[in-house]
Amino acid sequence: MRTRAGLPRFGLAHLLVRVRRVTGGCVFYGVLAHTVGPLLRLALRPRVEGRENIPADGPFILASNHLSMVDSFVLSPVIPRRLWWLARSEYFELPGIGGRLIRRGMLALGNVPIRRGPTRAAVRALGRMVDVLDAGGGVAIYPEGSRSPDGRLYLGRRGVAWLALKSGAKVVPVALGGSDQIIPLGTWRPRLSVRPTVRFGEPMDFSRYQDLPPGRARRVITDEVMDAIRKLSDQEWAGTLNPRADDE
């Protein structure tokens, strides 16, 4: 059996075509998505709700709560489209050969380094994500800035709102549950008996705030995104910024 392009439906050529469609042209990312992704889904067995809320095409911003170092490994394999992630700049600055390999691998997978705080480097990183959105891609961000130190949900940083206002892309809120129990604090041994949950909310359109003063618009949008995540996750509301984000 052959595809419309005349390629064998089961074969390397067809696989590469499919990979490029799913991953925006990055074959390296696609190979990992079609090998490591299924293995992660098999090992972690996440329960997924609301996956139909992820747009089939066009730009979108995925905004998630952050409970554990494994969150991205839980979330990425259940999303049918490629994501570009904002990642801590420290991951790109590890020393030695291993550090260089990690840096090259993260860059190849579309991770964009960001240094926390209102720095020019942070603005440039967000600008690169706007470029991805303008090209019709999807980006992912943890608005809290770092993992929750106590399981509560913290106030969001305004990067997610900045992205939404600059690009006009819709925001898809997502809540992870149970991921903090896969590798609990104080141990590196995974508990694969734990099945995390992933709940996607309906896309949020913030075009109505374009005429507000920028600072007020960013605060309002951030609060609405975090409220949507809270309703999906049922986490206790901390009501303050995540102190861990400033310490790391």
C-alpha atoms as a PDB file:
ATOM      1  CA  MET A   1       0.000   0.000   0.000  1.00  0.00           C
ATOM      2  CA  ARG A   2       1.256   3.473  -0.896  1.00  0.00           C
ATOM      3  CA  THR A   3       0.594   7.003   0.274  1.00  0.00           C
ATOM      4  CA  ARG A   4      -0.622   9.838  -1.951  1.00  0.00           C
ATOM      5  CA  ALA A   5       3.010  10.840  -2.414  1.00  0.00           C
ATOM      6  CA  GLY A   6       3.770   7.397  -3.827  1.00  0.00           C
ATOM      7  CA  LEU A   7       5.803   6.297  -0.810  1.00  0.00           C
ATOM      8  CA  PRO A   8       5.421   2.899   0.850  1.00  0.00           C
ATOM      9  CA  ARG A   9       3.072   3.264   3.823  1.00  0.00           C
ATOM     10  CA  PHE A  10       5.309   1.071   5.968  1.00  0.00           C
ATOM     11  CA  GLY A  11       8.928   2.032   5.495  1.00  0.00           C
ATOM     12  CA  LEU A  12      11.668   4.452   6.473  1.00  0.00           C
ATOM     13  CA  ALA A  13      10.677   7.027   3.856  1.00  0.00           C
ATOM     14  CA  HIS A  14       7.076   7.144   5.069  1.00  0.00           C
ATOM     15  CA  LEU A  15       8.251   7.322   8.681  1.00  0.00           C
ATOM     16  CA  LEU A  16      10.474  10.314   7.927  1.00  0.00           C
ATOM     17  CA  VAL A  17       7.636  12.111   6.128  1.00  0.00           C
ATOM     18  CA  ARG A  18       5.357  11.512   9.101  1.00  0.00           C
ATOM     19  CA  VAL A  19       8.078  12.610  11.507  1.00  0.00           C
ATOM     20  CA  ARG A  20       8.568  15.903   9.679  1.00  0.00           C
ATOM     21  CA  ARG A  21       4.835  16.634   9.760  1.00  0.00           C
ATOM     22  CA  VAL A  22       4.590  16.011  13.490  1.00  0.00           C
ATOM     23  CA  THR A  23       7.788  17.792  14.490  1.00  0.00           C
ATOM     24  CA  GLY A  24       7.986  20.823  12.257  1.00  0.00           C
ATOM     25  CA  GLY A  25      10.850  19.492  10.172  1.00  0.00           C
ATOM     26  CA  CYS A  26      13.311  18.452  12.899  1.00  0.00           C
ATOM     27  CA  VAL A  27      14.094  14.799  12.168  1.00  0.00           C
ATOM     28  CA  PHE A  28      16.245  14.390  15.291  1.00  0.00           C
ATOM     29  CA  TYR A  29      13.350  15.542  17.473  1.00  0.00           C
ATOM     30  CA  GLY A  30      11.003  13.294  15.517  1.00  0.00           C
ATOM     31  CA  VAL A  31      13.141  10.188  15.938  1.00  0.00           C
ATOM     32  CA  LEU A  32      13.128  10.727  19.703  1.00  0.00           C
ATOM     33  CA  ALA A  33       9.388  11.445  19.663  1.00  0.00           C
ATOM     34  CA  HIS A  34       8.738   8.108  17.908  1.00  0.00           C
ATOM     35  CA  THR A  35      11.124   6.074  20.082  1.00  0.00           C
ATOM     36  CA  VAL A  36      11.593   7.598  23.526  1.00  0.00           C
ATOM     37  CA  GLY A  37       8.061   9.027  23.586  1.00  0.00           C
ATOM     38  CA  PRO A  38       6.282   5.652  23.404  1.00  0.00           C
ATOM     39  CA  LEU A  39       8.680   4.205  25.969  1.00  0.00           C
ATOM     40  CA  LEU A  40       7.891   7.033  28.391  1.00  0.00           C
ATOM     41  CA  ARG A  41       4.151   6.569  27.865  1.00  0.00           C
ATOM     42  CA  LEU A  42       4.534   2.849  28.517  1.00  0.00           C
ATOM     43  CA  ALA A  43       6.609   3.364  31.658  1.00  0.00           C
ATOM     44  CA  LEU A  44       4.646   6.255  33.182  1.00  0.00           C
ATOM     45  CA  ARG A  45       1.128   5.326  31.931  1.00  0.00           C
ATOM     46  CA  PRO A  46      -0.302   8.842  32.335  1.00  0.00           C
ATOM     47  CA  ARG A  47      -4.054   9.331  32.509  1.00  0.00           C
ATOM     48  CA  VAL A  48      -4.907  12.055  30.004  1.00  0.00           C
ATOM     49  CA  GLU A  49      -8.038  14.192  29.920  1.00  0.00           C
ATOM     50  CA  GLY A  50      -8.953  16.916  27.441  1.00  0.00           C
ATOM     51  CA  ARG A  51      -6.320  16.181  24.806  1.00  0.00           C
ATOM     52  CA  GLU A  52      -8.814  17.404  22.194  1.00  0.00           C
ATOM     53  CA  ASN A  53      -8.196  20.931  23.533  1.00  0.00           C
ATOM     54  CA  ILE A  54      -4.735  20.993  21.940  1.00  0.00           C
ATOM     55  CA  PRO A  55      -5.101  22.811  18.588  1.00  0.00           C
ATOM     56  CA  ALA A  56      -4.462  20.568  15.594  1.00  0.00           C
ATOM     57  CA  ASP A  57      -2.592  23.382  13.861  1.00  0.00           C
ATOM     58  CA  GLY A  58      -1.603  26.984  14.390  1.00  0.00           C
ATOM     59  CA  PRO A  59       0.182  28.608  17.330  1.00  0.00           C
ATOM     60  CA  PHE A  60      -0.578  27.821  20.960  1.00  0.00           C
ATOM     61  CA  ILE A  61       0.997  28.304  24.373  1.00  0.00           C
ATOM     62  CA  LEU A  62       0.897  25.428  26.838  1.00  0.00           C
ATOM     63  CA  ALA A  63       0.927  26.695  30.450  1.00  0.00           C
ATOM     64  CA  SER A  64       1.371  24.041  33.141  1.00  0.00           C
ATOM     65  CA  ASN A  65       1.754  23.764  36.875  1.00  0.00           C
ATOM     66  CA  HIS A  66       5.136  22.402  37.965  1.00  0.00           C
ATOM     67  CA  LEU A  67       5.429  19.698  40.612  1.00  0.00           C
ATOM     68  CA  SER A  68       8.458  17.597  39.719  1.00  0.00           C
ATOM     69  CA  MET A  69      11.629  17.305  37.672  1.00  0.00           C
ATOM     70  CA  VAL A  70       9.828  14.639  35.600  1.00  0.00           C
ATOM     71  CA  ASP A  71       6.942  16.901  34.542  1.00  0.00           C
ATOM     72  CA  SER A  72       8.258  17.498  31.032  1.00  0.00           C
ATOM     73  CA  PHE A  73       8.788  13.751  30.569  1.00  0.00           C
ATOM     74  CA  VAL A  74       5.157  13.147  31.575  1.00  0.00           C
ATOM     75  CA  LEU A  75       3.752  15.951  29.446  1.00  0.00           C
ATOM     76  CA  SER A  76       5.691  15.901  26.173  1.00  0.00           C
ATOM     77  CA  PRO A  77       4.871  12.310  25.092  1.00  0.00           C
ATOM     78  CA  VAL A  78       1.102  12.850  25.334  1.00  0.00           C
ATOM     79  CA  ILE A  79       1.076  15.918  23.066  1.00  0.00           C
ATOM     80  CA  PRO A  80       0.613  15.120  19.365  1.00  0.00           C
ATOM     81  CA  ARG A  81       2.565  18.181  18.216  1.00  0.00           C
ATOM     82  CA  ARG A  82       6.089  19.420  18.663  1.00  0.00           C
ATOM     83  CA  LEU A  83       6.718  21.765  21.581  1.00  0.00           C
ATOM     84  CA  TRP A  84       9.459  24.289  22.175  1.00  0.00           C
ATOM     85  CA  TRP A  85      10.248  24.640  25.881  1.00  0.00           C
ATOM     86  CA  LEU A  86      11.673  27.485  27.890  1.00  0.00           C
ATOM     87  CA  ALA A  87      14.411  25.860  29.986  1.00  0.00           C
ATOM     88  CA  ARG A  88      16.619  27.156  32.780  1.00  0.00           C
ATOM     89  CA  SER A  89      19.854  28.584  31.389  1.00  0.00           C
ATOM     90  CA  GLU A  90      21.828  26.600  33.983  1.00  0.00           C
ATOM     91  CA  TYR A  91      21.111  23.404  32.028  1.00  0.00           C
ATOM     92  CA  PHE A  92      23.064  24.862  29.104  1.00  0.00           C
ATOM     93  CA  GLU A  93      26.066  25.816  31.215  1.00  0.00           C
ATOM     94  CA  LEU A  94      27.065  22.491  32.768  1.00  0.00           C
ATOM     95  CA  PRO A  95      30.823  21.853  32.650  1.00  0.00           C
ATOM     96  CA  GLY A  96      32.776  19.201  30.779  1.00  0.00           C
ATOM     97  CA  ILE A  97      32.021  16.974  27.821  1.00  0.00           C
ATOM     98  CA  GLY A  98      28.770  15.826  29.379  1.00  0.00           C
ATOM     99  CA  GLY A  99      27.643  19.410  29.762  1.00  0.00           C
ATOM    100  CA  ARG A 100      28.385  20.164  26.115  1.00  0.00           C
ATOM    101  CA  LEU A 101      26.461  17.079  25.006  1.00  0.00           C
ATOM    102  CA  ILE A 102      23.481  18.074  27.143  1.00  0.00           C
ATOM    103  CA  ARG A 103      23.587  21.586  25.709  1.00  0.00           C
ATOM    104  CA  ARG A 104      23.677  20.357  22.107  1.00  0.00           C
ATOM    105  CA  GLY A 105      20.916  17.849  22.747  1.00  0.00           C
ATOM    106  CA  MET A 106      18.633  20.404  24.398  1.00  0.00           C
ATOM    107  CA  LEU A 107      19.180  22.908  21.609  1.00  0.00           C
ATOM    108  CA  ALA A 108      18.502  20.223  18.984  1.00  0.00           C
ATOM    109  CA  LEU A 109      15.229  19.413  20.732  1.00  0.00           C
ATOM    110  CA  GLY A 110      14.101  23.039  20.557  1.00  0.00           C
ATOM    111  CA  ASN A 111      14.740  24.046  24.161  1.00  0.00           C
ATOM    112  CA  VAL A 112      15.311  27.778  24.560  1.00  0.00           C
ATOM    113  CA  PRO A 113      17.499  28.842  27.522  1.00  0.00           C
ATOM    114  CA  ILE A 114      16.143  31.581  29.731  1.00  0.00           C
ATOM    115  CA  ARG A 115      17.786  33.339  32.658  1.00  0.00           C
ATOM    116  CA  ARG A 116      15.273  34.322  35.301  1.00  0.00           C
ATOM    117  CA  GLY A 117      14.566  37.941  36.043  1.00  0.00           C
ATOM    118  CA  PRO A 118      13.819  41.058  33.969  1.00  0.00           C
ATOM    119  CA  THR A 119      17.067  40.821  32.020  1.00  0.00           C
ATOM    120  CA  ARG A 120      17.714  41.466  28.347  1.00  0.00           C
ATOM    121  CA  ALA A 121      18.621  37.793  27.976  1.00  0.00           C
ATOM    122  CA  ALA A 122      15.208  36.773  29.324  1.00  0.00           C
ATOM    123  CA  VAL A 123      13.461  39.138  26.914  1.00  0.00           C
ATOM    124  CA  ARG A 124      15.497  37.736  24.015  1.00  0.00           C
ATOM    125  CA  ALA A 125      14.505  34.182  25.007  1.00  0.00           C
ATOM    126  CA  LEU A 126      10.843  35.143  25.081  1.00  0.00           C
ATOM    127  CA  GLY A 127      11.310  36.847  21.721  1.00  0.00           C
ATOM    128  CA  ARG A 128      12.563  33.580  20.236  1.00  0.00           C
ATOM    129  CA  MET A 129       9.417  31.871  21.495  1.00  0.00           C
ATOM    130  CA  VAL A 130       7.307  34.563  19.815  1.00  0.00           C
ATOM    131  CA  ASP A 131       9.130  33.728  16.566  1.00  0.00           C
ATOM    132  CA  VAL A 132       8.076  30.087  17.014  1.00  0.00           C
ATOM    133  CA  LEU A 133       4.476  31.143  17.616  1.00  0.00           C
ATOM    134  CA  ASP A 134       4.481  33.497  14.631  1.00  0.00           C
ATOM    135  CA  ALA A 135       5.557  30.510  12.518  1.00  0.00           C
ATOM    136  CA  GLY A 136       2.552  28.505  13.755  1.00  0.00           C
ATOM    137  CA  GLY A 137       4.361  26.410  16.368  1.00  0.00           C
ATOM    138  CA  GLY A 138       3.584  25.461  19.952  1.00  0.00           C
ATOM    139  CA  VAL A 139       5.548  26.520  23.025  1.00  0.00           C
ATOM    140  CA  ALA A 140       5.415  25.370  26.634  1.00  0.00           C
ATOM    141  CA  ILE A 141       6.063  27.295  29.819  1.00  0.00           C
ATOM    142  CA  TYR A 142       5.799  26.781  33.580  1.00  0.00           C
ATOM    143  CA  PRO A 143       4.392  30.136  34.778  1.00  0.00           C
ATOM    144  CA  GLU A 144       5.353  29.478  38.417  1.00  0.00           C
ATOM    145  CA  GLY A 145       9.021  29.684  37.404  1.00  0.00           C
ATOM    146  CA  SER A 146      10.117  26.518  39.211  1.00  0.00           C
ATOM    147  CA  ARG A 147       8.836  23.380  40.882  1.00  0.00           C
ATOM    148  CA  SER A 148       6.469  23.876  43.780  1.00  0.00           C
ATOM    149  CA  PRO A 149       8.349  23.271  47.047  1.00  0.00           C
ATOM    150  CA  ASP A 150       5.263  22.052  48.897  1.00  0.00           C
ATOM    151  CA  GLY A 151       2.674  20.925  46.321  1.00  0.00           C
ATOM    152  CA  ARG A 152       0.738  24.194  46.425  1.00  0.00           C
ATOM    153  CA  LEU A 153       0.087  26.323  43.339  1.00  0.00           C
ATOM    154  CA  TYR A 154       1.914  29.646  43.293  1.00  0.00           C
ATOM    155  CA  LEU A 155       1.316  32.923  41.519  1.00  0.00           C
ATOM    156  CA  GLY A 156       2.425  32.977  37.912  1.00  0.00           C
ATOM    157  CA  ARG A 157       5.258  35.019  36.468  1.00  0.00           C
ATOM    158  CA  ARG A 158       4.178  37.258  33.597  1.00  0.00           C
ATOM    159  CA  GLY A 159       6.103  35.586  30.777  1.00  0.00           C
ATOM    160  CA  VAL A 160       3.067  33.596  29.673  1.00  0.00           C
ATOM    161  CA  ALA A 161       1.020  36.792  29.357  1.00  0.00           C
ATOM    162  CA  TRP A 162       3.846  38.539  27.493  1.00  0.00           C
ATOM    163  CA  LEU A 163       3.885  35.703  24.972  1.00  0.00           C
ATOM    164  CA  ALA A 164       0.100  35.753  24.558  1.00  0.00           C
ATOM    165  CA  LEU A 165      -0.033  39.507  24.000  1.00  0.00           C
ATOM    166  CA  LYS A 166       2.924  39.624  21.610  1.00  0.00           C
ATOM    167  CA  SER A 167       1.821  36.673  19.485  1.00  0.00           C
ATOM    168  CA  GLY A 168      -1.954  36.640  19.804  1.00  0.00           C
ATOM    169  CA  ALA A 169      -1.752  32.869  20.406  1.00  0.00           C
ATOM    170  CA  LYS A 170      -4.259  31.111  22.624  1.00  0.00           C
ATOM    171  CA  VAL A 171      -3.148  29.650  25.948  1.00  0.00           C
ATOM    172  CA  VAL A 172      -3.961  26.029  26.796  1.00  0.00           C
ATOM    173  CA  PRO A 173      -3.889  25.522  30.586  1.00  0.00           C
ATOM    174  CA  VAL A 174      -2.770  22.107  31.776  1.00  0.00           C
ATOM    175  CA  ALA A 175      -2.620  20.552  35.231  1.00  0.00           C
ATOM    176  CA  LEU A 176      -0.322  17.713  36.197  1.00  0.00           C
ATOM    177  CA  GLY A 177      -1.155  15.516  39.163  1.00  0.00           C
ATOM    178  CA  GLY A 178       0.872  12.858  40.966  1.00  0.00           C
ATOM    179  CA  SER A 179       4.119  13.549  39.126  1.00  0.00           C
ATOM    180  CA  ASP A 180       5.756  14.632  42.388  1.00  0.00           C
ATOM    181  CA  GLN A 181       5.235  11.076  43.678  1.00  0.00           C
ATOM    182  CA  ILE A 182       7.157   9.429  40.839  1.00  0.00           C
ATOM    183  CA  ILE A 183      10.486  10.628  42.207  1.00  0.00           C
ATOM    184  CA  PRO A 184       9.747  11.955  45.717  1.00  0.00           C
ATOM    185  CA  LEU A 185      12.032  14.461  47.381  1.00  0.00           C
ATOM    186  CA  GLY A 186      15.050  12.797  48.964  1.00  0.00           C
ATOM    187  CA  THR A 187      15.333   9.909  46.524  1.00  0.00           C
ATOM    188  CA  TRP A 188      16.355   9.285  42.924  1.00  0.00           C
ATOM    189  CA  ARG A 189      14.554   5.932  42.700  1.00  0.00           C
ATOM    190  CA  PRO A 190      11.449   6.236  40.491  1.00  0.00           C
ATOM    191  CA  ARG A 191       8.132   4.835  41.680  1.00  0.00           C
ATOM    192  CA  LEU A 192       6.632   3.591  38.430  1.00  0.00           C
ATOM    193  CA  SER A 193       3.566   2.294  40.263  1.00  0.00           C
ATOM    194  CA  VAL A 194       2.372   5.914  40.395  1.00  0.00           C
ATOM    195  CA  ARG A 195       0.211   6.935  37.419  1.00  0.00           C
ATOM    196  CA  PRO A 196       0.262  10.701  36.881  1.00  0.00           C
ATOM    197  CA  THR A 197      -2.687  12.610  35.477  1.00  0.00           C
ATOM    198  CA  VAL A 198      -2.615  15.246  32.738  1.00  0.00           C
ATOM    199  CA  ARG A 199      -5.660  17.517  32.311  1.00  0.00           C
ATOM    200  CA  PHE A 200      -5.847  19.964  29.422  1.00  0.00           C
ATOM    201  CA  GLY A 201      -8.266  22.868  29.680  1.00  0.00           C
ATOM    202  CA  GLU A 202      -9.991  24.745  26.875  1.00  0.00           C
ATOM    203  CA  PRO A 203      -7.845  27.242  24.906  1.00  0.00           C
ATOM    204  CA  MET A 204      -7.994  30.764  26.323  1.00  0.00           C
ATOM    205  CA  ASP A 205      -8.197  33.779  23.980  1.00  0.00           C
ATOM    206  CA  PHE A 206      -6.865  37.031  25.446  1.00  0.00           C
ATOM    207  CA  SER A 207      -7.235  39.297  22.416  1.00  0.00           C
ATOM    208  CA  ARG A 208      -9.812  41.331  24.386  1.00  0.00           C
ATOM    209  CA  TYR A 209      -6.985  42.685  26.571  1.00  0.00           C
ATOM    210  CA  GLN A 210      -4.887  44.132  23.749  1.00  0.00           C
ATOM    211  CA  ASP A 211      -6.124  47.671  24.468  1.00  0.00           C
ATOM    212  CA  LEU A 212      -5.354  47.586  28.211  1.00  0.00           C
ATOM    213  CA  PRO A 213      -2.144  49.156  29.550  1.00  0.00           C
ATOM    214  CA  PRO A 214       0.538  46.456  29.041  1.00  0.00           C
ATOM    215  CA  GLY A 215       1.394  45.992  32.724  1.00  0.00           C
ATOM    216  CA  ARG A 216      -2.233  45.596  33.755  1.00  0.00           C
ATOM    217  CA  ALA A 217      -2.981  43.286  30.824  1.00  0.00           C
ATOM    218  CA  ARG A 218      -0.063  40.999  31.731  1.00  0.00           C
ATOM    219  CA  ARG A 219      -1.190  40.759  35.340  1.00  0.00           C
ATOM    220  CA  VAL A 220      -4.835  40.054  34.460  1.00  0.00           C
ATOM    221  CA  ILE A 221      -3.919  37.400  31.880  1.00  0.00           C
ATOM    222  CA  THR A 222      -1.452  35.704  34.214  1.00  0.00           C
ATOM    223  CA  ASP A 223      -4.031  35.556  37.009  1.00  0.00           C
ATOM    224  CA  GLU A 224      -6.671  34.082  34.675  1.00  0.00           C
ATOM    225  CA  VAL A 225      -4.255  31.427  33.419  1.00  0.00           C
ATOM    226  CA  MET A 226      -3.266  30.426  36.959  1.00  0.00           C
ATOM    227  CA  ASP A 227      -6.919  30.321  38.042  1.00  0.00           C
ATOM    228  CA  ALA A 228      -7.672  27.957  35.140  1.00  0.00           C
ATOM    229  CA  ILE A 229      -4.743  25.721  36.161  1.00  0.00           C
ATOM    230  CA  ARG A 230      -5.948  25.759  39.786  1.00  0.00           C
ATOM    231  CA  LYS A 231      -9.434  24.620  38.787  1.00  0.00           C
ATOM    232  CA  LEU A 232      -7.960  21.772  36.732  1.00  0.00           C
ATOM    233  CA  SER A 233      -5.530  20.657  39.435  1.00  0.00           C
ATOM    234  CA  ASP A 234      -7.474  21.245  42.682  1.00  0.00           C
ATOM    235  CA  GLN A 235      -4.188  22.346  44.237  1.00  0.00           C
ATOM    236  CA  GLU A 236      -4.161  24.513  47.340  1.00  0.00           C
ATOM    237  CA  TRP A 237      -3.586  28.138  46.377  1.00  0.00           C
ATOM    238  CA  ALA A 238      -0.421  29.628  47.884  1.00  0.00           C
ATOM    239  CA  GLY A 239      -1.221  33.235  46.972  1.00  0.00           C
ATOM    240  CA  THR A 240       2.447  34.249  46.693  1.00  0.00           C
ATOM    241  CA  LEU A 241       5.267  33.919  44.180  1.00  0.00           C
ATOM    242  CA  ASN A 242       7.255  30.697  44.262  1.00  0.00           C
ATOM    243  CA  PRO A 243      10.292  31.399  46.496  1.00  0.00           C
ATOM    244  CA  ARG A 244      12.187  28.535  44.894  1.00  0.00           C
ATOM    245  CA  ALA A 245      12.249  30.345  41.549  1.00  0.00           C
ATOM    246  CA  ASP A 246      14.282  33.154  43.114  1.00  0.00           C
ATOM    247  CA  ASP A 247      16.649  30.832  44.991  1.00  0.00           C
ATOM    248  CA  GLU A 248      17.686  28.621  42.062  1.00  0.00           C
END
